[in-house]
Protein backbone atom coordinates (compact mmCIF):
# COMPACT_ATOMS: atom_id res chain seq x y z
CA UNK A 1 14.84 17.50 2.33
CA UNK A 2 11.28 17.78 3.00
CA UNK A 3 10.06 17.17 -0.70
CA UNK A 4 11.43 14.60 -3.20
CA UNK A 5 10.58 13.26 -6.49
CA UNK A 6 8.56 13.08 -8.44
CA UNK A 7 8.93 9.40 -8.19
CA UNK A 8 6.72 6.75 -10.30
CA UNK A 9 4.25 4.97 -8.16
CA UNK A 10 1.73 2.26 -9.57
CA UNK A 11 -0.88 3.74 -6.99
CA UNK A 12 -0.56 7.48 -7.54
CA UNK A 13 1.07 7.84 -11.27
CA UNK A 14 3.90 10.35 -10.89
CA UNK A 15 4.32 11.13 -6.82
CA UNK A 16 5.98 14.10 -5.36
CA UNK A 17 6.65 12.71 -2.03
CA UNK A 18 6.35 15.13 1.30
CA UNK A 19 8.76 13.93 4.13
CA UNK A 20 6.92 15.55 7.04
CA UNK A 21 8.49 13.57 10.12
CA UNK A 22 12.23 13.13 10.91
CA UNK A 23 13.22 9.64 10.23
CA UNK A 24 11.92 6.82 12.19
CA UNK A 25 9.68 8.74 14.55
CA UNK A 26 6.65 6.02 14.73
CA UNK A 27 4.15 4.67 16.88
CA UNK A 28 4.93 1.38 15.29
CA UNK A 29 8.18 -0.83 14.77
CA UNK A 30 6.91 -3.27 12.35
CA UNK A 31 9.41 -6.21 11.77
CA UNK A 32 9.26 -5.58 8.20
CA UNK A 33 10.05 -2.08 8.12
CA UNK A 34 12.90 -1.23 4.94
CA UNK A 35 13.97 1.80 7.12
CA UNK A 36 15.13 -0.72 10.36
CA UNK A 37 13.59 -0.57 13.86
CA UNK A 38 11.91 2.69 15.34
CA UNK A 39 14.44 4.94 16.71
CA UNK A 40 11.58 6.95 18.70
CA UNK A 41 8.15 5.26 19.37
CA UNK A 42 6.03 8.48 19.55
CA UNK A 43 2.06 8.57 20.01
CA UNK A 44 1.70 12.22 20.84
CA UNK A 45 1.33 14.41 18.18
CA UNK A 46 3.71 17.53 17.37
CA UNK A 47 5.08 20.07 15.03
CA UNK A 48 8.44 18.84 13.16
CA UNK A 49 8.45 21.48 10.50
CA UNK A 50 7.13 25.12 10.08
CA UNK A 51 3.98 24.59 7.80
CA UNK A 52 5.23 27.65 5.76
CA UNK A 53 8.86 25.86 5.68
CA UNK A 54 7.10 22.77 4.29
CA UNK A 55 5.04 24.42 1.75
CA UNK A 56 7.97 26.84 0.51
CA UNK A 57 9.81 23.47 -0.11
CA UNK A 58 7.26 21.58 -2.02
CA UNK A 59 5.95 24.74 -3.95
CA UNK A 60 9.94 25.06 -5.27
CA UNK A 61 10.13 21.52 -6.47
CA UNK A 62 6.60 21.59 -7.88
CA UNK A 63 7.86 24.85 -9.90
CA UNK A 64 10.94 23.04 -11.13
CA UNK A 65 9.08 19.89 -12.15
CA UNK A 66 6.79 22.27 -14.00
CA UNK A 67 9.54 24.06 -15.68
CA UNK A 68 11.01 20.84 -17.18
CA UNK A 69 7.59 19.50 -18.38
CA UNK A 70 7.42 16.88 -15.38
CA UNK A 71 4.26 15.84 -14.57
CA UNK A 72 3.10 15.39 -10.88
CA UNK A 73 -0.37 13.37 -10.29
CA UNK A 74 -0.35 13.43 -6.61
CA UNK A 75 1.44 15.48 -3.53
CA UNK A 76 2.33 12.39 -1.01
CA UNK A 77 2.66 12.64 2.51
CA UNK A 78 4.86 9.64 2.81
CA UNK A 79 7.79 10.26 5.35
CA UNK A 80 9.98 8.15 7.32
CA UNK A 81 7.71 8.05 10.14
CA UNK A 82 4.22 8.41 10.60
CA UNK A 83 2.76 11.28 8.83
CA UNK A 84 -0.43 11.68 11.22
CA UNK A 85 2.23 12.24 14.13
CA UNK A 86 2.60 15.62 12.55
CA UNK A 87 0.36 18.02 14.43
CA UNK A 88 -0.21 20.68 11.41
CA UNK A 89 -0.79 17.84 8.80
CA UNK A 90 -4.39 19.47 8.09
CA UNK A 91 -3.12 22.95 7.97
CA UNK A 92 -0.28 21.77 5.49
CA UNK A 93 -2.88 19.86 3.27
CA UNK A 94 -5.06 23.49 3.23
CA UNK A 95 -1.97 25.46 2.35
CA UNK A 96 -1.06 23.35 -0.50
CA UNK A 97 -4.39 23.26 -2.20
CA UNK A 98 -3.65 26.62 -3.99
CA UNK A 99 -0.99 24.45 -5.93
CA UNK A 100 -4.14 22.57 -7.88
CA UNK A 101 -2.53 19.13 -7.52
CA UNK A 102 -4.36 15.82 -5.65
CA UNK A 103 -3.13 15.24 -2.19
CA UNK A 104 -2.66 12.03 -0.75
CA UNK A 105 -1.45 10.45 2.66
CA UNK A 106 0.15 7.20 3.22
CA UNK A 107 -0.98 6.06 7.06
CA UNK A 108 -0.21 3.09 9.33
CA UNK A 109 -3.51 4.07 10.84
CA UNK A 110 -2.01 3.99 14.40
CA UNK A 111 -3.76 7.28 15.52
CA UNK A 112 -6.83 6.99 13.58
CA UNK A 113 -8.49 6.48 16.92
CA UNK A 114 -7.82 10.39 17.53
CA UNK A 115 -10.70 12.67 16.27
CA UNK A 116 -8.23 15.53 15.17
CA UNK A 117 -6.19 12.97 12.79
CA UNK A 118 -9.45 11.64 11.38
CA UNK A 119 -10.18 15.29 10.66
CA UNK A 120 -7.10 16.24 9.25
CA UNK A 121 -7.00 12.79 6.90
CA UNK A 122 -10.49 14.15 5.89
CA UNK A 123 -8.58 16.97 4.06
CA UNK A 124 -6.64 14.79 1.61
CA UNK A 125 -8.01 13.32 -1.80
CA UNK A 126 -6.72 9.89 -1.34
CA UNK A 127 -5.86 7.90 1.96
CA UNK A 128 -4.25 4.68 2.59
CA UNK A 129 -4.47 3.08 5.90
CA UNK A 130 -2.43 -0.05 6.99
CA UNK A 131 -4.71 -3.26 7.93
CA UNK A 132 -1.91 -5.90 8.76
CA UNK A 133 -4.11 -7.60 11.06
CA UNK A 134 -7.12 -7.66 13.17
CA UNK A 135 -6.59 -10.22 16.04
CA UNK A 136 -4.52 -8.57 18.92
CA UNK A 137 -1.80 -11.13 19.33
CA UNK A 138 -1.04 -10.95 15.29
CA UNK A 139 -0.81 -7.18 15.47
CA UNK A 140 1.48 -6.90 18.38
CA UNK A 141 3.46 -9.69 16.94
CA UNK A 142 3.91 -7.88 13.37
CA UNK A 143 3.22 -4.15 13.96
CA UNK A 144 4.85 -4.08 17.65
CA UNK A 145 2.88 -0.72 18.45
CA UNK A 146 3.40 1.60 21.19
CA UNK A 147 2.53 0.23 24.55
CA UNK A 148 -0.55 2.54 25.06
CA UNK A 149 -2.13 1.98 21.97
CA UNK A 150 -5.44 -0.46 21.74
CA UNK A 151 -6.29 -2.36 18.49
CA UNK A 152 -10.01 -1.85 19.09
CA UNK A 153 -9.95 1.75 19.07
CA UNK A 154 -7.45 1.79 15.82
CA UNK A 155 -10.35 -0.35 14.24
CA UNK A 156 -12.96 1.76 15.15
CA UNK A 157 -11.59 4.68 14.28
CA UNK A 158 -10.93 3.11 10.69
CA UNK A 159 -14.42 2.27 10.34
CA UNK A 160 -15.83 5.91 11.41
CA UNK A 161 -13.45 7.62 8.99
CA UNK A 162 -14.24 5.10 6.07
CA UNK A 163 -18.09 6.04 6.83
CA UNK A 164 -17.35 9.73 6.43
CA UNK A 165 -14.47 10.29 4.04
CA UNK A 166 -15.25 11.59 0.83
CA UNK A 167 -12.09 10.80 -1.07
CA UNK A 168 -10.83 7.73 -2.34
CA UNK A 169 -9.76 5.02 0.50
CA UNK A 170 -7.24 2.48 -0.01
CA UNK A 171 -5.97 -0.35 2.38
CA UNK A 172 -2.65 -1.83 2.66
CA UNK A 173 -2.13 -5.38 4.06
CA UNK A 174 1.87 -6.80 4.45
CA UNK A 175 2.02 -10.29 4.37
CA UNK A 176 4.56 -12.08 6.37
CA UNK A 177 5.30 -15.93 6.47
CA UNK A 178 3.83 -17.37 9.63
CA UNK A 179 2.62 -14.30 11.19
CA UNK A 180 -0.19 -12.93 9.43
CA UNK A 181 -0.52 -15.28 6.16
CA UNK A 182 -2.63 -18.30 7.79
CA UNK A 183 -6.20 -18.64 6.25
CA UNK A 184 -7.97 -17.62 9.63
CA UNK A 185 -6.10 -14.77 10.15
CA UNK A 186 -6.60 -13.60 6.71
CA UNK A 187 -10.34 -14.28 6.48
CA UNK A 188 -10.84 -12.14 9.80
CA UNK A 189 -8.90 -9.33 8.01
CA UNK A 190 -10.79 -9.78 5.11
CA UNK A 191 -14.13 -9.57 7.10
CA UNK A 192 -13.15 -6.12 8.16
CA UNK A 193 -12.16 -4.68 5.11
CA UNK A 194 -15.60 -5.77 3.99
CA UNK A 195 -16.73 -3.65 6.55
CA UNK A 196 -14.50 -0.98 5.74
CA UNK A 197 -15.25 -1.02 1.76
CA UNK A 198 -12.09 0.77 0.55
CA UNK A 199 -11.96 1.62 -3.19
CA UNK A 200 -9.11 -0.59 -3.29
CA UNK A 201 -7.32 -3.24 -1.01
CA UNK A 202 -3.85 -3.79 -1.48
CA UNK A 203 -1.54 -6.78 -0.52
CA UNK A 204 2.05 -6.26 0.11
CA UNK A 205 5.13 -8.38 0.63
CA UNK A 206 8.73 -7.66 1.80
CA UNK A 207 10.59 -6.81 -1.02
CA UNK A 208 13.66 -4.64 0.80
CA UNK A 209 15.85 -5.77 3.70
CA UNK A 210 13.61 -5.31 6.80
CA UNK A 211 14.07 -4.38 10.28
CA UNK A 212 13.80 -7.73 11.31
CA UNK A 213 16.15 -10.52 9.57
CA UNK A 214 14.02 -13.36 10.11
CA UNK A 215 11.06 -11.94 7.95
CA UNK A 216 10.18 -13.60 4.78
CA UNK A 217 7.26 -13.16 2.45
CA UNK A 218 4.54 -15.97 2.01
CA UNK A 219 4.81 -18.23 -1.13
CA UNK A 220 2.92 -17.51 -4.38
CA UNK A 221 0.27 -20.02 -3.32
CA UNK A 222 -0.32 -18.45 0.20
CA UNK A 223 -0.61 -14.93 -1.62
CA UNK A 224 -2.71 -16.20 -4.20
CA UNK A 225 -5.24 -17.62 -1.52
CA UNK A 226 -5.15 -14.21 0.42
CA UNK A 227 -5.57 -12.13 -2.38
CA UNK A 228 -8.75 -14.76 -3.38
CA UNK A 229 -10.20 -14.43 0.11
CA UNK A 230 -10.06 -10.68 0.27
CA UNK A 231 -11.81 -10.58 -2.98
CA UNK A 232 -14.70 -12.01 -1.61
CA UNK A 233 -15.25 -9.15 0.37
CA UNK A 234 -13.59 -5.98 -1.52
CA UNK A 235 -14.38 -5.75 -5.24
CA UNK A 236 -10.66 -4.15 -5.93
CA UNK A 237 -7.79 -6.02 -4.70
CA UNK A 238 -4.28 -5.58 -6.02
CA UNK A 239 -0.91 -6.68 -5.09
CA UNK A 240 2.08 -4.36 -4.26
CA UNK A 241 5.03 -6.99 -4.62
CA UNK A 242 7.92 -4.69 -5.70
CA UNK A 243 7.21 -4.61 -9.55
CA UNK A 244 5.89 -1.40 -11.04
CA UNK A 245 6.29 -2.69 -14.67
CA UNK A 246 3.91 -1.46 -17.04
CA UNK A 247 0.95 -3.34 -15.40
CA UNK A 248 -2.19 -3.77 -17.84
CA UNK A 249 0.03 -2.26 -20.64
CA UNK A 250 -0.80 -4.45 -23.80
CA UNK A 251 2.32 -4.05 -25.82
CA UNK A 252 1.85 -6.80 -28.43
CA UNK A 253 4.93 -8.65 -26.68
CA UNK A 254 2.45 -11.69 -24.99
CA UNK A 255 5.02 -12.63 -22.27
CA UNK A 256 5.87 -8.96 -21.00
CA UNK A 257 1.70 -8.54 -21.06
CA UNK A 258 1.30 -11.89 -19.07
CA UNK A 259 4.11 -10.86 -16.86
CA UNK A 260 2.73 -7.39 -16.16
CA UNK A 261 -0.60 -8.44 -15.52
CA UNK A 262 0.09 -11.16 -13.08
CA UNK A 263 2.21 -8.95 -11.19
CA UNK A 264 -0.89 -7.17 -10.00
CA UNK A 265 -3.52 -9.88 -10.32
CA UNK A 266 -3.52 -13.55 -10.48
CA UNK A 267 -5.12 -14.62 -14.02
CA UNK A 268 -7.55 -17.70 -13.81
CA UNK A 269 -6.83 -20.36 -16.46
CA UNK A 270 -9.90 -19.75 -18.40
CA UNK A 271 -8.59 -15.61 -18.42
CA UNK A 272 -5.37 -16.74 -19.63
CA UNK A 273 -6.97 -18.45 -22.48
CA UNK A 274 -9.13 -15.70 -23.50
CA UNK A 275 -6.00 -13.42 -23.52
CA UNK A 276 -3.71 -16.05 -25.67
CA UNK A 277 -6.93 -15.94 -28.10
CA UNK A 278 -7.03 -12.37 -28.39
CA UNK A 279 -3.53 -12.22 -28.88
CA UNK A 280 -3.14 -14.85 -31.13
CA UNK A 281 -0.78 -16.99 -29.26
CA UNK A 282 -1.25 -20.28 -27.85
CA UNK A 283 -0.45 -22.06 -24.32
CA UNK A 284 3.26 -22.84 -25.06
CA UNK A 285 4.18 -19.46 -23.98
CA UNK A 286 2.77 -19.77 -20.73
CA UNK A 287 4.25 -23.40 -20.33
CA UNK A 288 7.75 -21.69 -21.30
CA UNK A 289 7.15 -18.71 -18.63
CA UNK A 290 6.32 -21.48 -16.17
CA UNK A 291 9.43 -23.69 -17.01
CA UNK A 292 11.58 -20.69 -16.67
CA UNK A 293 10.30 -19.82 -13.21
CA UNK A 294 8.80 -16.68 -14.44
CA UNK A 295 5.18 -17.63 -13.57
CA UNK A 296 3.93 -20.08 -11.26
CA UNK A 297 0.57 -22.08 -11.26
CA UNK A 298 -1.38 -21.66 -7.98
CA UNK A 299 -4.91 -23.76 -6.97
CA UNK A 300 -7.46 -22.10 -5.03
CA UNK A 301 -11.15 -23.38 -4.20
CA UNK A 302 -10.65 -26.09 -7.37
CA UNK A 303 -9.32 -23.30 -9.72
CA UNK A 304 -5.98 -22.98 -11.45
CA UNK A 305 -4.50 -19.46 -11.38
CA UNK A 306 -1.00 -17.93 -12.73
CA UNK A 307 0.78 -15.65 -10.79
CA UNK A 308 4.17 -13.66 -11.43
CA UNK A 309 7.14 -15.62 -9.75
CA UNK A 310 8.27 -13.64 -6.82
CA UNK A 311 12.25 -12.53 -7.45
């Protein structure tokens, strides 16, 4: 199956996925990968599927969705491996243009040092690049790259791409406890993201069984600290912590509204006060959510924040 969905995505709305790489062919073998360890580590691009076959498959699924009135906001290259390993990626994006649906690519950026990869990604409307660490030792421990890859070249490739890309650029950083969640490591990552200037920087944590059993997510306090540090360098920062929910939807249910907002952004104490006043509610609602371990209080830079409890 090359295409699947559409499926709901907080980043992309209703996304029709395109699986243009066979399972677990990747230049990385990340410790947290929900698909398990990489079966075939590769860095050379090649053709995996005939482009016309891929486009026919996607077009058929789009037609089926349209017949039943199901919307599609993006066609998204999000395979079981690294999408830029596909030597036909740029051509496939071009062939999909007549469908008149924006095209997204979610990449781990491992091959962005290559000019042809940057050229192919530039054809997309929305691109996400992974930035787990900018320190060599940490990068090798968390992403476990193919031996020929060089972090400096990857970082330079990302900066070059960001400077030329005319679409929406996102970054994603997966936080793993005791690997890349220290304050020094996060600050180094934040400094680089400040140079990259993405439209939005996402923070993720492992929420499904990882490749390595010892992988664990950081605490809410550490996640909040990372959020605040990166927020000093990037205007828009959001969590991707596995809760899709109805973030930002003011439903009239104060508890659910607070939980949906804090699943995406930590709320400063003053912001919670303002929200409660607008909703005609009081602090006992918040205290009850904390007592039931649905909200967590976390302090950063002498300010108190509220975050949704990680399940």
